[in-house]
């Protein structure tokens, strides 16, 4: 199957957005882990549902 340049560019942009979001989540998680306190407890409660 042939893909157009536009399709490839859109796919690449989506991959970059996904990777950036993953990295941001990792930074936030590490920050909460080191900082602890109320923010970490609230984040854990949110994840636990």
PDB file of N, CA and C in Angstrom:
ATOM      1  N   UNK A   1       0.850  -1.174   0.000  1.00  0.00           N
ATOM      2  CA  UNK A   1       0.000   0.000   0.000  1.00  0.00           C
ATOM      3  C   UNK A   1       0.896   1.237   0.000  1.00  0.00           C
ATOM      4  N   UNK A   2       0.540   2.168  -0.837  1.00  0.00           N
ATOM      5  CA  UNK A   2       1.304   3.417  -0.926  1.00  0.00           C
ATOM      6  C   UNK A   2       0.665   4.474  -0.047  1.00  0.00           C
ATOM      7  N   UNK A   3       1.512   5.204   0.649  1.00  0.00           N
ATOM      8  CA  UNK A   3       1.043   6.296   1.504  1.00  0.00           C
ATOM      9  C   UNK A   3       1.484   7.614   0.897  1.00  0.00           C
ATOM     10  N   UNK A   4       0.651   8.617   1.052  1.00  0.00           N
ATOM     11  CA  UNK A   4       1.015   9.936   0.566  1.00  0.00           C
ATOM     12  C   UNK A   4       1.960  10.598   1.565  1.00  0.00           C
ATOM     13  N   UNK A   5       2.653  11.607   1.108  1.00  0.00           N
ATOM     14  CA  UNK A   5       3.548  12.349   1.994  1.00  0.00           C
ATOM     15  C   UNK A   5       2.763  12.949   3.146  1.00  0.00           C
ATOM     16  N   UNK A   6       1.588  13.463   2.859  1.00  0.00           N
ATOM     17  CA  UNK A   6       0.755  14.059   3.922  1.00  0.00           C
ATOM     18  C   UNK A   6       0.407  13.023   4.985  1.00  0.00           C
ATOM     19  N   UNK A   7       0.029  11.826   4.572  1.00  0.00           N
ATOM     20  CA  UNK A   7      -0.297  10.763   5.529  1.00  0.00           C
ATOM     21  C   UNK A   7       0.907  10.426   6.402  1.00  0.00           C
ATOM     22  N   UNK A   8       2.073  10.342   5.801  1.00  0.00           N
ATOM     23  CA  UNK A   8       3.282  10.046   6.562  1.00  0.00           C
ATOM     24  C   UNK A   8       3.612  11.164   7.541  1.00  0.00           C
ATOM     25  N   UNK A   9       3.447  12.408   7.115  1.00  0.00           N
ATOM     26  CA  UNK A   9       3.718  13.542   7.994  1.00  0.00           C
ATOM     27  C   UNK A   9       2.736  13.586   9.159  1.00  0.00           C
ATOM     28  N   UNK A  10       1.473  13.298   8.896  1.00  0.00           N
ATOM     29  CA  UNK A  10       0.472  13.270   9.959  1.00  0.00           C
ATOM     30  C   UNK A  10       0.763  12.146  10.946  1.00  0.00           C
ATOM     31  N   UNK A  11       1.157  10.991  10.430  1.00  0.00           N
ATOM     32  CA  UNK A  11       1.499   9.867  11.291  1.00  0.00           C
ATOM     33  C   UNK A  11       2.715  10.214  12.158  1.00  0.00           C
ATOM     34  N   UNK A  12       3.713  10.808  11.557  1.00  0.00           N
ATOM     35  CA  UNK A  12       4.914  11.201  12.303  1.00  0.00           C
ATOM     36  C   UNK A  12       4.570  12.219  13.380  1.00  0.00           C
ATOM     37  N   UNK A  13       3.764  13.207  13.064  1.00  0.00           N
ATOM     38  CA  UNK A  13       3.375  14.221  14.042  1.00  0.00           C
ATOM     39  C   UNK A  13       2.636  13.585  15.218  1.00  0.00           C
ATOM     40  N   UNK A  14       1.779  12.624  14.934  1.00  0.00           N
ATOM     41  CA  UNK A  14       1.048  11.934  16.005  1.00  0.00           C
ATOM     42  C   UNK A  14       2.008  11.128  16.878  1.00  0.00           C
ATOM     43  N   UNK A  15       2.978  10.488  16.273  1.00  0.00           N
ATOM     44  CA  UNK A  15       3.978   9.742  17.044  1.00  0.00           C
ATOM     45  C   UNK A  15       4.777  10.672  17.950  1.00  0.00           C
ATOM     46  N   UNK A  16       5.147  11.831  17.447  1.00  0.00           N
ATOM     47  CA  UNK A  16       5.895  12.799  18.245  1.00  0.00           C
ATOM     48  C   UNK A  16       5.042  13.287  19.414  1.00  0.00           C
ATOM     49  N   UNK A  17       3.770  13.588  19.167  1.00  0.00           N
ATOM     50  CA  UNK A  17       2.867  14.025  20.242  1.00  0.00           C
ATOM     51  C   UNK A  17       2.733  12.944  21.310  1.00  0.00           C
ATOM     52  N   UNK A  18       2.602  11.711  20.878  1.00  0.00           N
ATOM     53  CA  UNK A  18       2.466  10.600  21.819  1.00  0.00           C
ATOM     54  C   UNK A  18       3.728  10.454  22.674  1.00  0.00           C
ATOM     55  N   UNK A  19       4.885  10.515  22.045  1.00  0.00           N
ATOM     56  CA  UNK A  19       6.149  10.389  22.781  1.00  0.00           C
ATOM     57  C   UNK A  19       6.340  11.553  23.753  1.00  0.00           C
ATOM     58  N   UNK A  20       5.983  12.752  23.331  1.00  0.00           N
ATOM     59  CA  UNK A  20       6.094  13.911  24.219  1.00  0.00           C
ATOM     60  C   UNK A  20       5.177  13.765  25.435  1.00  0.00           C
ATOM     61  N   UNK A  21       3.969  13.275  25.213  1.00  0.00           N
ATOM     62  CA  UNK A  21       3.037  13.067  26.322  1.00  0.00           C
ATOM     63  C   UNK A  21       3.557  12.000  27.272  1.00  0.00           C
ATOM     64  N   UNK A  22       4.157  10.941  26.733  1.00  0.00           N
ATOM     65  CA  UNK A  22       4.724   9.881  27.566  1.00  0.00           C
ATOM     66  C   UNK A  22       5.867  10.410  28.416  1.00  0.00           C
ATOM     67  N   UNK A  23       6.726  11.210  27.812  1.00  0.00           N
ATOM     68  CA  UNK A  23       7.841  11.786  28.562  1.00  0.00           C
ATOM     69  C   UNK A  23       7.350  12.756  29.632  1.00  0.00           C
ATOM     70  N   UNK A  24       6.345  13.549  29.303  1.00  0.00           N
ATOM     71  CA  UNK A  24       5.789  14.483  30.283  1.00  0.00           C
ATOM     72  C   UNK A  24       5.195  13.737  31.469  1.00  0.00           C
ATOM     73  N   UNK A  25       4.507  12.643  31.191  1.00  0.00           N
ATOM     74  CA  UNK A  25       3.931  11.848  32.272  1.00  0.00           C
ATOM     75  C   UNK A  25       5.026  11.273  33.168  1.00  0.00           C
ATOM     76  N   UNK A  26       6.126  10.850  32.573  1.00  0.00           N
ATOM     77  CA  UNK A  26       7.241  10.329  33.348  1.00  0.00           C
ATOM     78  C   UNK A  26       7.875  11.392  34.235  1.00  0.00           C
ATOM     79  N   UNK A  27       8.013  12.590  33.709  1.00  0.00           N
ATOM     80  CA  UNK A  27       8.573  13.696  34.490  1.00  0.00           C
ATOM     81  C   UNK A  27       7.655  14.037  35.658  1.00  0.00           C
ATOM     82  N   UNK A  28       6.370  14.093  35.392  1.00  0.00           N
ATOM     83  CA  UNK A  28       5.412  14.401  36.458  1.00  0.00           C
ATOM     84  C   UNK A  28       5.446  13.315  37.526  1.00  0.00           C
ATOM     85  N   UNK A  29       5.495  12.056  37.106  1.00  0.00           N
ATOM     86  CA  UNK A  29       5.537  10.949  38.062  1.00  0.00           C
ATOM     87  C   UNK A  29       6.789  11.012  38.931  1.00  0.00           C
ATOM     88  N   UNK A  30       7.933  11.266  38.312  1.00  0.00           N
ATOM     89  CA  UNK A  30       9.177  11.357  39.072  1.00  0.00           C
ATOM     90  C   UNK A  30       9.129  12.529  40.042  1.00  0.00           C
ATOM     91  N   UNK A  31       8.604  13.652  39.580  1.00  0.00           N
ATOM     92  CA  UNK A  31       8.502  14.829  40.434  1.00  0.00           C
ATOM     93  C   UNK A  31       7.596  14.552  41.632  1.00  0.00           C
ATOM     94  N   UNK A  32       6.464  13.914  41.393  1.00  0.00           N
ATOM     95  CA  UNK A  32       5.560  13.583  42.493  1.00  0.00           C
ATOM     96  C   UNK A  32       6.209  12.599  43.463  1.00  0.00           C
ATOM     97  N   UNK A  33       6.989  11.669  42.917  1.00  0.00           N
ATOM     98  CA  UNK A  33       7.659  10.692  43.761  1.00  0.00           C
ATOM     99  C   UNK A  33       8.681  11.322  44.687  1.00  0.00           C
ATOM    100  N   UNK A  34       9.399  12.289  44.182  1.00  0.00           N
ATOM    101  CA  UNK A  34      10.408  12.952  45.002  1.00  0.00           C
ATOM    102  C   UNK A  34       9.781  13.977  45.944  1.00  0.00           C
ATOM    103  N   UNK A  35       8.772  14.703  45.465  1.00  0.00           N
ATOM    104  CA  UNK A  35       8.169  15.765  46.270  1.00  0.00           C
ATOM    105  C   UNK A  35       7.249  15.193  47.337  1.00  0.00           C
ATOM    106  N   UNK A  36       6.514  14.136  46.971  1.00  0.00           N
ATOM    107  CA  UNK A  36       5.582  13.532  47.927  1.00  0.00           C
ATOM    108  C   UNK A  36       4.490  14.501  48.331  1.00  0.00           C
ATOM    109  N   UNK A  37       4.006  14.357  49.541  1.00  0.00           N
ATOM    110  CA  UNK A  37       3.007  15.274  50.080  1.00  0.00           C
ATOM    111  C   UNK A  37       1.623  15.071  49.512  1.00  0.00           C
ATOM    112  N   UNK A  38       0.825  16.125  49.629  1.00  0.00           N
ATOM    113  CA  UNK A  38      -0.576  16.075  49.232  1.00  0.00           C
ATOM    114  C   UNK A  38      -0.742  15.842  47.732  1.00  0.00           C
ATOM    115  N   UNK A  39       0.134  16.430  46.929  1.00  0.00           N
ATOM    116  CA  UNK A  39       0.027  16.278  45.479  1.00  0.00           C
ATOM    117  C   UNK A  39       0.218  14.822  45.074  1.00  0.00           C
ATOM    118  N   UNK A  40       1.182  14.142  45.692  1.00  0.00           N
ATOM    119  CA  UNK A  40       1.412  12.736  45.373  1.00  0.00           C
ATOM    120  C   UNK A  40       0.242  11.879  45.816  1.00  0.00           C
ATOM    121  N   UNK A  41      -0.299  12.148  46.986  1.00  0.00           N
ATOM    122  CA  UNK A  41      -1.455  11.389  47.479  1.00  0.00           C
ATOM    123  C   UNK A  41      -2.654  11.600  46.570  1.00  0.00           C
ATOM    124  N   UNK A  42      -2.863  12.824  46.125  1.00  0.00           N
ATOM    125  CA  UNK A  42      -3.994  13.113  45.228  1.00  0.00           C
ATOM    126  C   UNK A  42      -3.808  12.402  43.883  1.00  0.00           C
ATOM    127  N   UNK A  43      -2.577  12.380  43.359  1.00  0.00           N
ATOM    128  CA  UNK A  43      -2.314  11.701  42.090  1.00  0.00           C
ATOM    129  C   UNK A  43      -2.539  10.204  42.213  1.00  0.00           C
ATOM    130  N   UNK A  44      -2.109   9.615  43.311  1.00  0.00           N
ATOM    131  CA  UNK A  44      -2.329   8.184  43.536  1.00  0.00           C
ATOM    132  C   UNK A  44      -3.816   7.870  43.683  1.00  0.00           C
ATOM    133  N   UNK A  45      -4.539   8.722  44.381  1.00  0.00           N
ATOM    134  CA  UNK A  45      -5.974   8.510  44.536  1.00  0.00           C
ATOM    135  C   UNK A  45      -6.676   8.584  43.170  1.00  0.00           C
ATOM    136  N   UNK A  46      -6.241   9.493  42.336  1.00  0.00           N
ATOM    137  CA  UNK A  46      -6.838   9.625  40.997  1.00  0.00           C
ATOM    138  C   UNK A  46      -6.557   8.389  40.162  1.00  0.00           C
ATOM    139  N   UNK A  47      -5.333   7.870  40.239  1.00  0.00           N
ATOM    140  CA  UNK A  47      -4.972   6.673  39.470  1.00  0.00           C
ATOM    141  C   UNK A  47      -5.703   5.440  39.981  1.00  0.00           C
ATOM    142  N   UNK A  48      -5.909   5.379  41.286  1.00  0.00           N
ATOM    143  CA  UNK A  48      -6.584   4.227  41.879  1.00  0.00           C
ATOM    144  C   UNK A  48      -8.063   4.188  41.540  1.00  0.00           C
ATOM    145  N   UNK A  49      -8.581   5.334  41.154  1.00  0.00           N
ATOM    146  CA  UNK A  49      -9.984   5.385  40.733  1.00  0.00           C
ATOM    147  C   UNK A  49     -10.865   5.678  41.844  1.00  0.00           C
TER     148      UNK A  49
END
